[in-house]
Protein backbone atom coordinates (compact mmCIF):
# COMPACT_ATOMS: atom_id res chain seq x y z
CA PHE A 1 3.71 153.14 61.35
CA PRO A 2 0.08 152.83 62.42
CA GLY A 3 -1.40 149.35 62.51
CA SER A 4 0.09 145.94 62.99
CA ALA A 5 1.43 143.16 60.80
CA GLU A 6 -2.08 141.71 60.72
CA SER A 7 -3.72 144.97 59.63
CA SER A 8 -5.17 145.55 56.19
CA ALA A 9 -2.97 145.01 53.16
CA ARG A 10 -4.47 148.26 51.93
CA GLU A 11 -2.19 150.28 54.20
CA ILE A 12 0.66 151.90 52.31
CA GLY A 13 3.55 149.46 52.12
CA SER A 14 5.24 149.53 55.51
CA GLU A 15 8.51 148.56 53.82
CA TYR A 16 8.70 152.19 52.62
CA TYR A 17 7.23 154.00 55.59
CA GLU A 18 10.50 154.27 57.56
CA GLU A 19 12.16 155.94 54.55
CA ILE A 20 9.22 158.33 54.19
CA GLU A 21 9.22 159.13 57.91
CA THR A 22 13.01 159.77 57.89
CA THR A 23 12.75 162.16 54.92
CA LEU A 24 9.86 164.12 56.43
CA THR A 25 11.66 164.35 59.80
CA GLU A 26 14.81 165.66 58.06
CA TRP A 27 12.62 168.33 56.43
CA GLY A 28 11.18 169.33 59.81
CA ALA A 29 7.72 168.06 58.87
CA LYS A 30 5.45 165.89 60.91
CA GLU A 31 5.35 162.36 59.47
CA GLU A 32 1.56 162.61 59.66
CA LEU A 33 1.80 164.56 56.41
CA PHE A 34 1.85 161.28 54.46
CA PRO A 35 -1.28 159.10 54.06
CA THR A 36 -1.28 155.60 55.53
CA TRP A 37 -4.07 154.04 53.42
CA GLN A 38 -4.29 153.06 49.76
CA PRO A 39 -7.25 151.73 47.77
CA GLU A 40 -7.62 147.96 47.38
CA GLY A 41 -5.43 146.40 44.68
CA PHE A 42 -2.91 149.23 44.32
CA VAL A 43 0.77 148.37 44.71
CA ALA A 44 3.15 150.97 46.13
CA GLN A 45 6.36 151.67 44.25
CA GLU A 46 9.55 152.82 45.95
CA PRO A 47 9.45 156.48 47.04
CA LYS A 48 11.76 158.97 45.34
CA VAL A 49 13.21 162.24 46.60
CA THR A 50 14.25 164.97 44.18
CA SER A 51 15.29 168.56 44.77
CA ASP A 52 16.18 171.79 43.05
CA ASN A 53 17.14 175.25 44.30
CA SER A 54 13.71 176.13 45.69
CA SER A 55 12.09 172.85 46.77
CA ALA A 56 12.46 169.17 47.55
CA THR A 57 9.85 166.59 46.57
CA LEU A 58 9.02 163.21 48.07
CA SER A 59 6.94 161.24 45.58
CA MET A 60 5.45 157.77 45.60
CA ASN A 61 3.51 156.10 42.80
CA PHE A 62 0.86 153.40 43.03
CA ARG A 63 -0.42 151.07 40.27
CA GLU A 64 -3.38 148.76 39.91
CA ASN A 65 -3.90 147.30 36.42
CA GLU A 66 -4.90 150.29 34.27
CA ARG A 67 -5.25 152.74 37.17
CA PHE A 68 -2.54 154.73 38.91
CA TYR A 69 -2.03 157.59 41.31
CA SER A 70 0.78 159.44 43.02
CA ILE A 71 1.33 161.16 46.32
CA ARG A 72 3.78 164.04 46.37
CA ILE A 73 4.93 166.11 49.32
CA LEU A 74 6.75 169.27 48.28
CA HIS A 75 8.94 171.09 50.81
CA PHE A 76 9.54 174.67 49.75
CA LEU A 77 13.05 175.75 50.77
CA GLU A 78 12.29 179.43 50.29
CA MET A 79 9.11 181.44 50.57
CA ASN A 80 7.00 180.95 47.51
CA ASP A 81 4.32 183.44 46.47
CA SER A 82 2.57 180.89 44.31
CA SER A 83 1.18 177.54 45.34
CA GLY A 84 1.33 176.27 41.76
CA ALA A 85 -1.06 175.92 38.88
CA PHE A 86 -3.12 172.83 38.14
CA GLU A 87 -5.03 171.87 35.02
CA LYS A 88 -8.70 171.15 35.59
CA ASP A 89 -11.88 170.71 33.65
CA SER A 90 -15.12 172.69 34.03
CA ASP A 91 -16.35 170.70 37.06
CA PRO A 92 -16.37 172.73 40.29
CA VAL A 93 -13.58 172.56 42.87
CA GLU A 94 -14.60 170.92 46.15
CA GLU A 95 -13.16 172.15 49.44
CA TYR A 96 -12.54 169.32 51.92
CA VAL A 97 -11.21 169.87 55.46
CA HIS A 98 -9.32 167.17 57.36
CA ASN A 99 -7.53 167.77 60.69
CA GLY A 100 -7.82 171.52 60.13
CA ASP A 101 -6.12 171.33 56.70
CA LEU A 102 -8.03 172.59 53.67
CA PHE A 103 -7.76 170.35 50.61
CA TYR A 104 -8.98 171.37 47.17
CA ILE A 105 -10.32 168.42 45.17
CA PHE A 106 -10.84 168.82 41.43
CA SER A 107 -10.92 166.82 38.22
CA ASN A 108 -9.20 167.03 34.85
CA VAL A 109 -10.52 164.60 32.25
CA ASP A 110 -10.16 161.14 33.94
CA SER A 111 -7.88 162.26 36.78
CA ILE A 112 -8.78 163.51 40.26
CA THR A 113 -6.38 165.76 42.19
CA ALA A 114 -6.43 166.87 45.82
CA THR A 115 -3.97 169.44 47.11
CA CYS A 116 -3.24 171.21 50.38
CA TYR A 117 -0.67 173.99 50.88
CA ASP A 118 0.57 175.68 54.07
CA GLU A 119 3.33 177.94 52.60
CA GLU A 120 6.08 175.43 53.49
CA PHE A 121 4.62 172.06 52.47
CA MET A 122 2.26 171.06 49.68
CA THR A 123 0.55 167.68 49.54
CA ILE A 124 -0.69 166.50 46.13
CA ILE A 125 -2.70 163.31 45.59
CA SER A 126 -3.44 162.77 41.92
CA GLY A 127 -4.49 159.99 39.56
CA THR A 128 -7.25 157.80 38.21
CA LEU A 129 -9.15 157.64 41.49
CA THR A 130 -12.72 158.26 42.57
CA ILE A 131 -13.60 161.20 44.82
CA ASP A 132 -14.40 158.70 47.62
CA GLU A 133 -10.97 157.04 47.25
CA VAL A 134 -9.25 160.44 47.38
CA LYS A 135 -11.19 161.38 50.51
CA SER A 136 -10.29 158.04 52.16
CA ILE A 137 -6.60 158.64 51.36
CA ILE A 138 -6.87 162.15 52.86
CA LYS A 139 -8.63 160.79 55.96
CA SER A 140 -5.63 158.49 56.57
CA ILE A 141 -3.28 161.47 56.90
CA GLY A 142 -2.47 161.61 60.58
CA GLY A 143 -2.72 157.84 60.90
CA GLU A 144 -6.51 157.61 61.13
C-alpha cells in the first residue's frame, strides 16, 4: 500500500487494502486498478465481492454525512460485447485519460460517474462527488 502510517488520513483505509489487493491478484489484475485516495471526511466501508455466471465485482462504499460514493471493479469472466449502460443527464460526457486509460466522466442529476473499460475489467467511480474529486480519485489509481 503506497504511503506510510504517517501519510494522509485521506488515503483509502489501509485496513482494507490487503483484501482488495488479494482479490485483484486472484483475478489476474494489477492491484493498481484500485484508487488509493479518498476525499477528506469520507469513511471507507468494508469491501464486498459478489459474482454471477459472467462477472465478479469488487465494490467499496464511502460515506461522509449526506454524501456518498462507491468504487466498483468488475471482472468479466467471459467476453462481453457490451460495456454496460449508464443513466446520464443532458450535460456532455468528458473524456479523461490517466496512465493511458480512457475514463468517461458524466453526470446524472446530483451524481457524477467515471468509468473505464478494457474488455476484461471495468472501473466505476460513482456518487455525490465533484468533478475535481473524481479526477483526484482517478489520479490515485496506480498509487500516485
